Amino acid sequence: MEVTAKKATEVTSSTLTFSLEIPSKTFVHFYVVALKLKDDKEPTSSDSYENSELVTYAEARKSTNPKTYIAAVVAFSGVDGNMFILGEGRNTSDPTSRRRRSTSSDYYNGPLEPGNSYSIFQRIVLNNKSEYYSTDWSPASKTNEYTGGPRVLTKISSGDIKAKEGDLVNLLCSAEGEPPITFSCKKITRSHWKVSQKLKSLTTVHYLL
C-alpha cells in the first residue's frame, strides 16, 4: 500500500506541518526524508535515492547543492498521530543503531530557511532485513518569508543574582521564538556577563566568579 505525503497544512518561516498517512501493514520504522528545492525544481523519483545518499540535516546545510536528508525516524511503536512538523528542532535516534551499538545515527529535524520550498517522502522499512519501499514526494511547500524582528514565544531569566567572588553561579536564560533566537555570551566586567549562545530551549549557564 502506497503512503503519500500531502502538501503542508501549516506554514511558518521555519517549519512546515505535514499530514502523513501511516502504513496499514506492519513495518519496523520509517524515515521522513526532506529536501530543500533549488529554484522550485522537482526532485528525481524517491526510489532513485540509495540509503547511503540520505545525509543528516547538518550535512545538507553545509552542502552547496541540495541534498536529501533524514529529518526524523519514526518507530512502529512510536507512532502518535499523523502530523509531522518539519523543522521543529527535535532529535530522533535510528532504532537499528542501538543494536549495532552505534551513537552516530541521531537525526536532527532542524529549522527550515525562510522563503524556501521543501518536499518530503517516507521510506518505510518493512523488516530487519532492511527491505523497504518509498512513497512519492509531497507537493512542494514553501516557508513564509521572514519579516521584522523575532516573535518571542517564551522567555525565562534568572534576573539579578548576588554572589561572592569564587562562588559558582547558575545563570538561567531561556527564550524561544520564530525564527530561532540567537543569544551571545561574554564577560563585560569582573561582575557582569553578556549571554552569547545559539539556543532554542531552556539553558543553565554555569560561571565561576
N, C-alpha and C. Protein backbone atom coordinates (compact mmCIF):
# COMPACT_ATOMS: atom_id res chain seq x y z
N MET A 1 0.84 -1.20 0.00
CA MET A 1 0.00 0.00 0.00
C MET A 1 0.88 1.25 0.00
N GLU A 2 0.62 2.16 -0.90
CA GLU A 2 1.43 3.36 -1.00
C GLU A 2 0.99 4.42 0.00
N VAL A 3 1.96 5.07 0.58
CA VAL A 3 1.69 6.13 1.55
C VAL A 3 2.21 7.43 0.96
N THR A 4 1.36 8.42 0.84
CA THR A 4 1.74 9.64 0.17
C THR A 4 1.60 10.84 1.09
N ALA A 5 2.65 11.63 1.19
CA ALA A 5 2.59 12.87 1.98
C ALA A 5 1.88 13.93 1.17
N LYS A 6 1.10 14.75 1.86
CA LYS A 6 0.35 15.82 1.20
C LYS A 6 1.09 17.14 1.39
N LYS A 7 0.60 18.17 0.71
CA LYS A 7 1.16 19.50 0.86
C LYS A 7 1.01 19.95 2.30
N ALA A 8 1.94 20.79 2.77
CA ALA A 8 1.93 21.25 4.17
C ALA A 8 0.60 21.94 4.49
N THR A 9 0.09 21.64 5.69
CA THR A 9 -1.19 22.22 6.12
C THR A 9 -0.99 23.48 6.96
N GLU A 10 0.18 23.62 7.58
CA GLU A 10 0.50 24.82 8.35
C GLU A 10 1.91 25.25 7.99
N VAL A 11 2.09 26.58 7.93
CA VAL A 11 3.37 27.12 7.47
C VAL A 11 3.82 28.26 8.37
N THR A 12 5.12 28.25 8.75
CA THR A 12 5.75 29.39 9.41
C THR A 12 7.02 29.69 8.63
N SER A 13 7.83 30.61 9.13
CA SER A 13 9.08 30.93 8.43
C SER A 13 10.15 29.86 8.62
N SER A 14 9.96 28.96 9.60
CA SER A 14 10.99 27.94 9.86
C SER A 14 10.43 26.52 9.97
N THR A 15 9.11 26.34 9.80
CA THR A 15 8.53 25.00 9.89
C THR A 15 7.44 24.80 8.83
N LEU A 16 7.20 23.53 8.51
CA LEU A 16 6.10 23.12 7.64
C LEU A 16 5.44 21.91 8.29
N THR A 17 4.14 21.93 8.44
CA THR A 17 3.42 20.82 9.07
C THR A 17 2.76 19.96 8.00
N PHE A 18 3.13 18.69 7.99
CA PHE A 18 2.60 17.75 7.01
C PHE A 18 1.70 16.72 7.69
N SER A 19 0.71 16.27 6.97
CA SER A 19 -0.14 15.18 7.43
C SER A 19 0.30 13.91 6.72
N LEU A 20 0.80 12.95 7.50
CA LEU A 20 1.29 11.70 6.94
C LEU A 20 0.23 10.62 7.05
N GLU A 21 0.24 9.71 6.11
CA GLU A 21 -0.63 8.54 6.19
C GLU A 21 0.22 7.38 6.70
N ILE A 22 -0.10 6.90 7.89
CA ILE A 22 0.69 5.83 8.50
C ILE A 22 0.39 4.51 7.77
N PRO A 23 1.42 3.74 7.42
CA PRO A 23 1.21 2.47 6.70
C PRO A 23 0.27 1.55 7.48
N SER A 24 -0.63 0.90 6.76
CA SER A 24 -1.57 -0.02 7.40
C SER A 24 -0.92 -1.37 7.67
N LYS A 25 0.09 -1.73 6.88
CA LYS A 25 0.77 -3.01 7.09
C LYS A 25 1.87 -2.84 8.14
N THR A 26 2.30 -3.93 8.72
CA THR A 26 3.33 -3.89 9.76
C THR A 26 4.65 -3.40 9.17
N PHE A 27 5.30 -2.55 9.92
CA PHE A 27 6.62 -2.07 9.50
C PHE A 27 7.50 -1.92 10.74
N VAL A 28 8.80 -1.82 10.55
CA VAL A 28 9.73 -1.66 11.66
C VAL A 28 9.84 -0.20 12.05
N HIS A 29 10.13 0.64 11.09
CA HIS A 29 10.19 2.09 11.29
C HIS A 29 10.17 2.76 9.92
N PHE A 30 9.99 4.06 9.92
CA PHE A 30 10.14 4.78 8.65
C PHE A 30 10.91 6.07 8.87
N TYR A 31 11.59 6.49 7.82
CA TYR A 31 12.32 7.75 7.82
C TYR A 31 11.47 8.81 7.13
N VAL A 32 11.52 10.02 7.68
CA VAL A 32 10.96 11.17 6.98
C VAL A 32 12.14 11.87 6.32
N VAL A 33 12.15 11.86 5.01
CA VAL A 33 13.27 12.40 4.23
C VAL A 33 12.84 13.73 3.61
N ALA A 34 13.69 14.73 3.74
CA ALA A 34 13.35 16.08 3.26
C ALA A 34 14.38 16.58 2.27
N LEU A 35 13.97 17.57 1.48
CA LEU A 35 14.87 18.19 0.50
C LEU A 35 14.45 19.63 0.28
N LYS A 36 15.43 20.54 0.39
CA LYS A 36 15.17 21.93 0.01
C LYS A 36 15.30 22.02 -1.50
N LEU A 37 14.25 22.51 -2.14
CA LEU A 37 14.23 22.53 -3.60
C LEU A 37 14.96 23.75 -4.15
N LYS A 38 15.80 23.52 -5.12
CA LYS A 38 16.54 24.60 -5.76
C LYS A 38 15.73 25.11 -6.95
N ASP A 39 15.40 26.39 -6.92
CA ASP A 39 14.60 27.02 -7.99
C ASP A 39 13.27 26.30 -8.18
N ASP A 40 12.74 25.73 -7.06
CA ASP A 40 11.46 25.01 -7.09
C ASP A 40 11.44 23.86 -8.10
N LYS A 41 12.63 23.35 -8.41
CA LYS A 41 12.73 22.24 -9.36
C LYS A 41 12.32 20.94 -8.69
N GLU A 42 11.50 20.16 -9.38
CA GLU A 42 11.03 18.88 -8.82
C GLU A 42 12.20 17.91 -8.68
N PRO A 43 12.25 17.19 -7.55
CA PRO A 43 13.33 16.21 -7.36
C PRO A 43 13.10 14.96 -8.19
N THR A 44 14.14 14.18 -8.34
CA THR A 44 14.00 12.91 -9.04
C THR A 44 13.20 11.94 -8.17
N SER A 45 12.81 10.83 -8.73
CA SER A 45 11.98 9.86 -8.03
C SER A 45 12.58 9.48 -6.67
N SER A 46 11.72 9.34 -5.67
CA SER A 46 12.20 8.98 -4.34
C SER A 46 12.86 7.60 -4.32
N ASP A 47 12.45 6.72 -5.24
CA ASP A 47 13.05 5.39 -5.31
C ASP A 47 14.48 5.42 -5.82
N SER A 48 14.85 6.53 -6.46
CA SER A 48 16.20 6.60 -7.05
C SER A 48 17.28 6.88 -6.02
N TYR A 49 16.90 7.24 -4.80
CA TYR A 49 17.88 7.57 -3.76
C TYR A 49 18.25 6.32 -2.96
N GLU A 50 19.54 6.00 -2.95
CA GLU A 50 20.03 4.92 -2.10
C GLU A 50 20.09 5.41 -0.66
N ASN A 51 20.03 4.48 0.29
CA ASN A 51 20.10 4.87 1.70
C ASN A 51 21.39 5.63 2.01
N SER A 52 22.47 5.27 1.32
CA SER A 52 23.76 5.92 1.56
C SER A 52 23.76 7.38 1.10
N GLU A 53 22.78 7.77 0.29
CA GLU A 53 22.70 9.14 -0.20
C GLU A 53 21.91 10.05 0.73
N LEU A 54 21.28 9.48 1.73
CA LEU A 54 20.48 10.26 2.66
C LEU A 54 21.38 10.75 3.78
N VAL A 55 21.57 12.05 3.87
CA VAL A 55 22.52 12.62 4.82
C VAL A 55 21.78 13.18 6.03
N THR A 56 22.54 13.80 6.93
CA THR A 56 21.96 14.46 8.09
C THR A 56 21.61 15.91 7.75
N TYR A 57 20.86 16.53 8.64
CA TYR A 57 20.50 17.94 8.47
C TYR A 57 21.74 18.82 8.37
N ALA A 58 22.72 18.57 9.24
CA ALA A 58 23.93 19.38 9.25
C ALA A 58 24.69 19.25 7.94
N GLU A 59 24.77 18.03 7.42
CA GLU A 59 25.47 17.82 6.14
C GLU A 59 24.75 18.50 5.00
N ALA A 60 23.43 18.46 5.02
CA ALA A 60 22.65 19.12 3.97
C ALA A 60 22.83 20.63 4.00
N ARG A 61 22.89 21.21 5.21
CA ARG A 61 23.06 22.66 5.34
C ARG A 61 24.44 23.11 4.85
N LYS A 62 25.45 22.27 5.02
CA LYS A 62 26.81 22.63 4.62
C LYS A 62 27.01 22.50 3.10
N SER A 63 26.20 21.68 2.46
CA SER A 63 26.38 21.40 1.05
C SER A 63 25.95 22.59 0.19
N THR A 64 26.72 22.84 -0.88
CA THR A 64 26.36 23.92 -1.80
C THR A 64 25.23 23.50 -2.74
N ASN A 65 25.04 22.19 -2.90
CA ASN A 65 23.95 21.67 -3.71
C ASN A 65 22.92 20.99 -2.81
N PRO A 66 21.62 21.08 -3.14
CA PRO A 66 20.59 20.46 -2.31
C PRO A 66 20.84 18.96 -2.13
N LYS A 67 20.71 18.50 -0.89
CA LYS A 67 20.86 17.07 -0.60
C LYS A 67 19.67 16.59 0.22
N THR A 68 19.24 15.38 -0.07
CA THR A 68 18.18 14.78 0.72
C THR A 68 18.73 14.44 2.10
N TYR A 69 17.95 14.79 3.14
CA TYR A 69 18.41 14.49 4.49
C TYR A 69 17.29 13.84 5.30
N ILE A 70 17.69 13.04 6.27
CA ILE A 70 16.72 12.38 7.15
C ILE A 70 16.37 13.35 8.27
N ALA A 71 15.12 13.77 8.29
CA ALA A 71 14.67 14.72 9.31
C ALA A 71 14.23 14.01 10.59
N ALA A 72 13.75 12.78 10.46
CA ALA A 72 13.27 12.06 11.65
C ALA A 72 13.15 10.58 11.34
N VAL A 73 13.19 9.78 12.41
CA VAL A 73 12.93 8.34 12.34
C VAL A 73 11.75 8.04 13.25
N VAL A 74 10.76 7.35 12.71
CA VAL A 74 9.56 7.01 13.49
C VAL A 74 9.44 5.51 13.58
N ALA A 75 9.54 4.97 14.80
CA ALA A 75 9.40 3.52 15.01
C ALA A 75 7.93 3.13 15.00
N PHE A 76 7.69 1.86 14.69
CA PHE A 76 6.31 1.36 14.67
C PHE A 76 5.63 1.59 16.01
N SER A 77 6.38 1.38 17.08
CA SER A 77 5.82 1.55 18.43
C SER A 77 5.72 3.02 18.83
N GLY A 78 6.33 3.89 18.05
CA GLY A 78 6.35 5.30 18.43
C GLY A 78 5.39 6.17 17.65
N VAL A 79 4.55 5.57 16.83
CA VAL A 79 3.59 6.36 16.04
C VAL A 79 2.55 6.98 16.95
N ASP A 80 2.44 8.28 16.88
CA ASP A 80 1.47 9.00 17.71
C ASP A 80 0.80 10.07 16.85
N GLY A 81 -0.28 9.68 16.17
CA GLY A 81 -0.94 10.60 15.26
C GLY A 81 -0.20 10.67 13.93
N ASN A 82 -0.71 11.47 13.03
CA ASN A 82 -0.10 11.53 11.69
C ASN A 82 0.41 12.91 11.32
N MET A 83 0.51 13.82 12.29
CA MET A 83 1.03 15.15 11.99
C MET A 83 2.53 15.19 12.22
N PHE A 84 3.24 15.74 11.27
CA PHE A 84 4.69 15.85 11.37
C PHE A 84 5.10 17.28 11.05
N ILE A 85 5.89 17.87 11.97
CA ILE A 85 6.34 19.25 11.78
C ILE A 85 7.80 19.22 11.33
N LEU A 86 8.02 19.52 10.07
CA LEU A 86 9.37 19.59 9.53
C LEU A 86 10.01 20.89 9.99
N GLY A 87 11.17 20.77 10.65
CA GLY A 87 11.87 21.95 11.12
C GLY A 87 11.63 22.30 12.57
N GLU A 88 11.01 21.39 13.36
CA GLU A 88 10.64 21.73 14.74
C GLU A 88 11.81 21.68 15.71
N GLY A 89 12.97 21.13 15.30
CA GLY A 89 14.15 21.18 16.15
C GLY A 89 14.36 20.01 17.08
N ARG A 90 13.73 18.88 16.83
CA ARG A 90 13.90 17.71 17.69
C ARG A 90 14.92 16.74 17.11
N ASN A 91 15.44 15.88 18.00
CA ASN A 91 16.34 14.80 17.60
C ASN A 91 15.62 13.46 17.74
N THR A 92 15.86 12.57 16.80
CA THR A 92 15.39 11.19 16.93
C THR A 92 16.55 10.25 16.62
N SER A 93 16.49 9.04 17.18
CA SER A 93 17.57 8.07 17.00
C SER A 93 17.10 6.92 16.14
N ASP A 94 17.97 6.47 15.27
CA ASP A 94 17.69 5.30 14.45
C ASP A 94 17.62 4.08 15.36
N PRO A 95 16.49 3.38 15.42
CA PRO A 95 16.38 2.22 16.32
C PRO A 95 17.36 1.11 16.00
N THR A 96 17.82 1.02 14.76
CA THR A 96 18.78 -0.04 14.40
C THR A 96 20.16 0.27 14.93
N SER A 97 20.45 1.55 15.25
CA SER A 97 21.79 1.90 15.73
C SER A 97 22.05 1.33 17.12
N ARG A 98 20.98 1.13 17.91
CA ARG A 98 21.17 0.58 19.25
C ARG A 98 21.63 -0.87 19.18
N ARG A 99 21.12 -1.58 18.17
CA ARG A 99 21.54 -2.97 18.02
C ARG A 99 22.99 -3.06 17.55
N ARG A 100 23.43 -2.01 16.82
CA ARG A 100 24.81 -2.00 16.35
C ARG A 100 25.73 -1.29 17.34
N ARG A 101 25.15 -0.83 18.47
CA ARG A 101 25.89 -0.08 19.48
C ARG A 101 26.57 1.15 18.87
N SER A 102 25.84 1.79 17.95
CA SER A 102 26.36 2.98 17.30
C SER A 102 25.75 4.21 17.95
N THR A 103 26.52 5.29 18.03
CA THR A 103 26.00 6.55 18.58
C THR A 103 25.96 7.63 17.52
N SER A 104 26.14 7.24 16.26
CA SER A 104 26.24 8.24 15.19
C SER A 104 24.99 8.35 14.34
N SER A 105 23.88 7.73 14.77
CA SER A 105 22.67 7.72 13.95
C SER A 105 21.55 8.54 14.55
N ASP A 106 21.87 9.69 15.13
CA ASP A 106 20.85 10.61 15.60
C ASP A 106 20.55 11.60 14.48
N TYR A 107 19.27 11.90 14.30
CA TYR A 107 18.86 12.79 13.23
C TYR A 107 18.18 14.02 13.81
N TYR A 108 18.61 15.17 13.33
CA TYR A 108 18.12 16.45 13.82
C TYR A 108 17.15 17.03 12.81
N ASN A 109 15.96 17.33 13.28
CA ASN A 109 14.91 17.93 12.45
C ASN A 109 15.04 19.45 12.57
N GLY A 110 16.10 19.98 11.99
CA GLY A 110 16.46 21.39 12.18
C GLY A 110 15.55 22.37 11.49
N PRO A 111 15.59 23.64 11.93
CA PRO A 111 14.72 24.68 11.37
C PRO A 111 14.96 24.89 9.87
N LEU A 112 13.90 25.22 9.17
CA LEU A 112 13.97 25.45 7.74
C LEU A 112 14.33 26.91 7.45
N GLU A 113 14.74 27.17 6.23
CA GLU A 113 15.11 28.51 5.84
C GLU A 113 13.88 29.27 5.34
N PRO A 114 13.71 30.52 5.77
CA PRO A 114 12.54 31.31 5.34
C PRO A 114 12.52 31.49 3.82
N GLY A 115 11.30 31.45 3.27
CA GLY A 115 11.12 31.73 1.85
C GLY A 115 11.66 30.67 0.92
N ASN A 116 11.78 29.42 1.41
CA ASN A 116 12.28 28.32 0.57
C ASN A 116 11.26 27.20 0.49
N SER A 117 11.32 26.45 -0.61
CA SER A 117 10.39 25.34 -0.83
C SER A 117 11.03 24.02 -0.44
N TYR A 118 10.22 23.15 0.15
CA TYR A 118 10.69 21.83 0.60
C TYR A 118 9.68 20.76 0.19
N SER A 119 10.18 19.56 0.01
CA SER A 119 9.34 18.38 -0.19
C SER A 119 9.84 17.28 0.73
N ILE A 120 8.96 16.34 1.04
CA ILE A 120 9.35 15.20 1.86
C ILE A 120 8.82 13.91 1.25
N PHE A 121 9.43 12.80 1.63
CA PHE A 121 8.85 11.50 1.35
C PHE A 121 9.16 10.59 2.53
N GLN A 122 8.47 9.47 2.60
CA GLN A 122 8.71 8.49 3.66
C GLN A 122 9.38 7.26 3.08
N ARG A 123 10.36 6.76 3.79
CA ARG A 123 10.99 5.49 3.43
C ARG A 123 10.63 4.50 4.52
N ILE A 124 9.79 3.53 4.19
CA ILE A 124 9.24 2.59 5.17
C ILE A 124 10.06 1.31 5.16
N VAL A 125 10.66 1.00 6.30
CA VAL A 125 11.46 -0.23 6.45
C VAL A 125 10.53 -1.32 6.97
N LEU A 126 10.41 -2.41 6.22
CA LEU A 126 9.40 -3.43 6.50
C LEU A 126 9.85 -4.49 7.49
N ASN A 127 11.17 -4.79 7.52
CA ASN A 127 11.64 -5.87 8.38
C ASN A 127 13.11 -5.65 8.72
N ASN A 128 13.64 -6.57 9.52
CA ASN A 128 15.03 -6.45 9.95
C ASN A 128 16.03 -6.81 8.85
N LYS A 129 15.52 -7.23 7.70
CA LYS A 129 16.39 -7.48 6.55
C LYS A 129 16.59 -6.21 5.73
N SER A 130 16.06 -5.11 6.24
CA SER A 130 16.20 -3.80 5.61
C SER A 130 15.47 -3.70 4.27
N GLU A 131 14.44 -4.52 4.09
CA GLU A 131 13.59 -4.36 2.90
C GLU A 131 12.70 -3.14 3.12
N TYR A 132 12.57 -2.33 2.10
CA TYR A 132 11.81 -1.09 2.27
C TYR A 132 11.15 -0.67 0.95
N TYR A 133 10.26 0.30 1.08
CA TYR A 133 9.73 0.97 -0.10
C TYR A 133 9.58 2.45 0.24
N SER A 134 9.46 3.28 -0.78
CA SER A 134 9.37 4.72 -0.58
C SER A 134 8.07 5.26 -1.14
N THR A 135 7.55 6.28 -0.50
CA THR A 135 6.38 6.98 -1.03
C THR A 135 6.83 7.99 -2.06
N ASP A 136 5.88 8.58 -2.75
CA ASP A 136 6.20 9.68 -3.66
C ASP A 136 6.55 10.92 -2.85
N TRP A 137 7.24 11.85 -3.50
CA TRP A 137 7.50 13.15 -2.87
C TRP A 137 6.18 13.88 -2.65
N SER A 138 6.12 14.64 -1.58
CA SER A 138 4.97 15.51 -1.35
C SER A 138 5.04 16.68 -2.33
N PRO A 139 3.91 17.33 -2.60
CA PRO A 139 3.98 18.57 -3.39
C PRO A 139 4.85 19.59 -2.66
N ALA A 140 5.52 20.43 -3.41
CA ALA A 140 6.40 21.44 -2.82
C ALA A 140 5.61 22.38 -1.92
N SER A 141 6.17 22.68 -0.75
CA SER A 141 5.56 23.62 0.20
C SER A 141 6.62 24.65 0.58
N LYS A 142 6.20 25.91 0.64
CA LYS A 142 7.15 27.00 0.85
C LYS A 142 6.98 27.63 2.22
N THR A 143 8.10 27.85 2.92
CA THR A 143 8.05 28.54 4.21
C THR A 143 7.77 30.02 4.00
N ASN A 144 7.26 30.67 5.03
CA ASN A 144 6.98 32.10 4.94
C ASN A 144 8.27 32.90 4.88
N GLU A 145 8.20 34.05 4.27
CA GLU A 145 9.33 34.97 4.29
C GLU A 145 9.48 35.53 5.69
N TYR A 146 10.73 35.76 6.09
CA TYR A 146 10.99 36.35 7.40
C TYR A 146 10.82 37.86 7.31
N THR A 147 9.99 38.43 8.16
CA THR A 147 9.78 39.87 8.20
C THR A 147 9.85 40.37 9.63
N GLY A 148 10.59 41.46 9.83
CA GLY A 148 10.64 42.07 11.15
C GLY A 148 11.47 41.28 12.14
N GLY A 149 11.37 41.67 13.41
CA GLY A 149 12.11 41.03 14.48
C GLY A 149 11.48 39.71 14.89
N PRO A 150 12.19 38.95 15.70
CA PRO A 150 11.66 37.65 16.14
C PRO A 150 10.44 37.80 17.03
N ARG A 151 9.55 36.82 16.91
CA ARG A 151 8.36 36.79 17.76
C ARG A 151 8.68 35.87 18.93
N VAL A 152 8.74 36.43 20.14
CA VAL A 152 9.11 35.67 21.33
C VAL A 152 7.92 34.85 21.80
N LEU A 153 8.14 33.53 21.92
CA LEU A 153 7.08 32.64 22.39
C LEU A 153 7.18 32.40 23.89
N THR A 154 8.40 32.18 24.38
CA THR A 154 8.62 32.00 25.82
C THR A 154 9.89 32.74 26.21
N LYS A 155 9.96 33.19 27.44
CA LYS A 155 11.15 33.88 27.92
C LYS A 155 11.30 33.64 29.41
N ILE A 156 12.46 33.16 29.83
CA ILE A 156 12.76 32.88 31.24
C ILE A 156 14.13 33.44 31.55
N SER A 157 14.27 34.06 32.72
CA SER A 157 15.57 34.60 33.12
C SER A 157 15.73 34.48 34.62
N SER A 158 16.99 34.32 35.06
CA SER A 158 17.28 34.25 36.49
C SER A 158 17.13 35.61 37.17
N GLY A 159 17.21 36.67 36.38
CA GLY A 159 17.18 38.00 36.98
C GLY A 159 18.52 38.32 37.62
N ASP A 160 18.55 39.29 38.53
CA ASP A 160 19.79 39.67 39.21
C ASP A 160 20.14 38.65 40.29
N ILE A 161 21.40 38.23 40.30
CA ILE A 161 21.87 37.28 41.30
C ILE A 161 23.09 37.87 42.00
N LYS A 162 23.08 37.84 43.34
CA LYS A 162 24.22 38.32 44.11
C LYS A 162 25.09 37.14 44.53
N ALA A 163 26.39 37.29 44.41
CA ALA A 163 27.32 36.22 44.78
C ALA A 163 28.67 36.82 45.14
N LYS A 164 29.45 36.04 45.87
CA LYS A 164 30.79 36.45 46.24
C LYS A 164 31.79 35.92 45.23
N GLU A 165 32.94 36.57 45.15
CA GLU A 165 33.99 36.13 44.24
C GLU A 165 34.40 34.71 44.61
N GLY A 166 34.49 33.84 43.61
CA GLY A 166 34.84 32.43 43.83
C GLY A 166 33.63 31.53 43.88
N ASP A 167 32.41 32.10 44.03
CA ASP A 167 31.20 31.29 44.05
C ASP A 167 30.87 30.77 42.65
N LEU A 168 30.25 29.59 42.60
CA LEU A 168 29.75 29.04 41.35
C LEU A 168 28.30 29.49 41.20
N VAL A 169 28.00 30.16 40.11
CA VAL A 169 26.67 30.73 39.90
C VAL A 169 26.02 30.09 38.69
N ASN A 170 24.76 29.69 38.84
CA ASN A 170 23.98 29.18 37.72
C ASN A 170 23.10 30.30 37.18
N LEU A 171 23.34 30.67 35.94
CA LEU A 171 22.54 31.71 35.30
C LEU A 171 21.57 31.03 34.34
N LEU A 172 20.29 31.21 34.60
CA LEU A 172 19.26 30.58 33.79
C LEU A 172 18.76 31.57 32.75
N CYS A 173 18.88 31.20 31.48
CA CYS A 173 18.35 32.06 30.43
C CYS A 173 17.69 31.18 29.38
N SER A 174 16.50 31.54 28.98
CA SER A 174 15.77 30.76 28.00
C SER A 174 14.85 31.66 27.21
N ALA A 175 14.80 31.42 25.92
CA ALA A 175 13.84 32.12 25.07
C ALA A 175 13.60 31.27 23.85
N GLU A 176 12.39 31.27 23.40
CA GLU A 176 12.05 30.54 22.18
C GLU A 176 11.26 31.48 21.30
N GLY A 177 11.57 31.48 20.03
CA GLY A 177 10.87 32.40 19.15
C GLY A 177 10.90 31.96 17.71
N GLU A 178 10.34 32.77 16.87
CA GLU A 178 10.30 32.49 15.45
C GLU A 178 10.79 33.70 14.69
N PRO A 179 11.90 33.59 13.91
CA PRO A 179 12.75 32.40 13.78
C PRO A 179 13.54 32.17 15.06
N PRO A 180 14.30 31.05 15.17
CA PRO A 180 15.05 30.76 16.39
C PRO A 180 15.89 31.95 16.84
N ILE A 181 15.84 32.25 18.13
CA ILE A 181 16.52 33.42 18.68
C ILE A 181 17.98 33.09 18.98
N THR A 182 18.86 34.03 18.70
CA THR A 182 20.28 33.84 18.95
C THR A 182 20.70 34.62 20.19
N PHE A 183 21.37 33.91 21.12
CA PHE A 183 21.95 34.55 22.30
C PHE A 183 23.46 34.66 22.09
N SER A 184 24.10 35.59 22.79
CA SER A 184 25.55 35.61 22.80
C SER A 184 26.02 35.78 24.24
N CYS A 185 27.24 35.37 24.51
CA CYS A 185 27.68 35.36 25.90
C CYS A 185 29.15 35.74 26.05
N LYS A 186 29.44 36.80 26.76
CA LYS A 186 30.82 37.18 27.03
C LYS A 186 30.89 37.99 28.31
N LYS A 187 32.04 37.98 28.93
CA LYS A 187 32.23 38.71 30.18
C LYS A 187 32.55 40.17 29.85
N ILE A 188 31.75 41.09 30.41
CA ILE A 188 31.95 42.52 30.16
C ILE A 188 32.88 43.10 31.21
N THR A 189 32.58 42.86 32.48
CA THR A 189 33.44 43.29 33.58
C THR A 189 33.61 42.09 34.50
N ARG A 190 34.28 42.33 35.62
CA ARG A 190 34.51 41.22 36.56
C ARG A 190 33.21 40.66 37.10
N SER A 191 32.17 41.48 37.14
CA SER A 191 30.92 41.02 37.77
C SER A 191 29.73 41.02 36.82
N HIS A 192 29.94 41.31 35.54
CA HIS A 192 28.83 41.35 34.60
C HIS A 192 29.12 40.44 33.40
N TRP A 193 28.07 39.73 32.98
CA TRP A 193 28.20 38.84 31.83
C TRP A 193 27.15 39.19 30.79
N LYS A 194 27.48 38.99 29.54
CA LYS A 194 26.52 39.13 28.46
C LYS A 194 26.33 37.76 27.83
N VAL A 195 25.08 37.29 27.77
CA VAL A 195 24.83 35.93 27.29
C VAL A 195 25.09 35.82 25.80
N SER A 196 25.75 34.72 25.39
CA SER A 196 26.13 34.56 23.97
C SER A 196 26.16 33.11 23.50
N GLN A 197 25.04 32.53 23.27
CA GLN A 197 24.98 31.18 22.72
C GLN A 197 23.78 31.08 21.81
N LYS A 198 23.88 30.17 20.81
CA LYS A 198 22.75 29.97 19.89
C LYS A 198 21.87 28.89 20.48
N LEU A 199 20.73 29.29 21.02
CA LEU A 199 19.89 28.38 21.78
C LEU A 199 18.44 28.52 21.37
N LYS A 200 17.67 27.41 21.56
CA LYS A 200 16.24 27.49 21.36
C LYS A 200 15.47 26.99 22.57
N SER A 201 16.17 26.38 23.52
CA SER A 201 15.47 25.77 24.63
C SER A 201 16.11 26.16 25.96
N LEU A 202 15.50 25.68 27.05
CA LEU A 202 15.93 26.03 28.40
C LEU A 202 17.41 25.72 28.61
N THR A 203 18.11 26.70 29.14
CA THR A 203 19.56 26.55 29.30
C THR A 203 20.01 27.12 30.62
N THR A 204 20.87 26.40 31.31
CA THR A 204 21.52 26.91 32.51
C THR A 204 22.99 27.09 32.21
N VAL A 205 23.50 28.27 32.44
CA VAL A 205 24.90 28.58 32.19
C VAL A 205 25.63 28.65 33.52
N HIS A 206 26.74 27.93 33.67
CA HIS A 206 27.49 27.88 34.90
C HIS A 206 28.72 28.79 34.80
N TYR A 207 28.92 29.66 35.79
CA TYR A 207 30.09 30.53 35.77
C TYR A 207 30.73 30.54 37.15
N LEU A 208 32.05 30.56 37.14
CA LEU A 208 32.81 30.71 38.39
C LEU A 208 33.27 32.16 38.47
N LEU A 209 32.79 32.87 39.48
CA LEU A 209 33.12 34.30 39.61
C LEU A 209 34.52 34.49 40.13
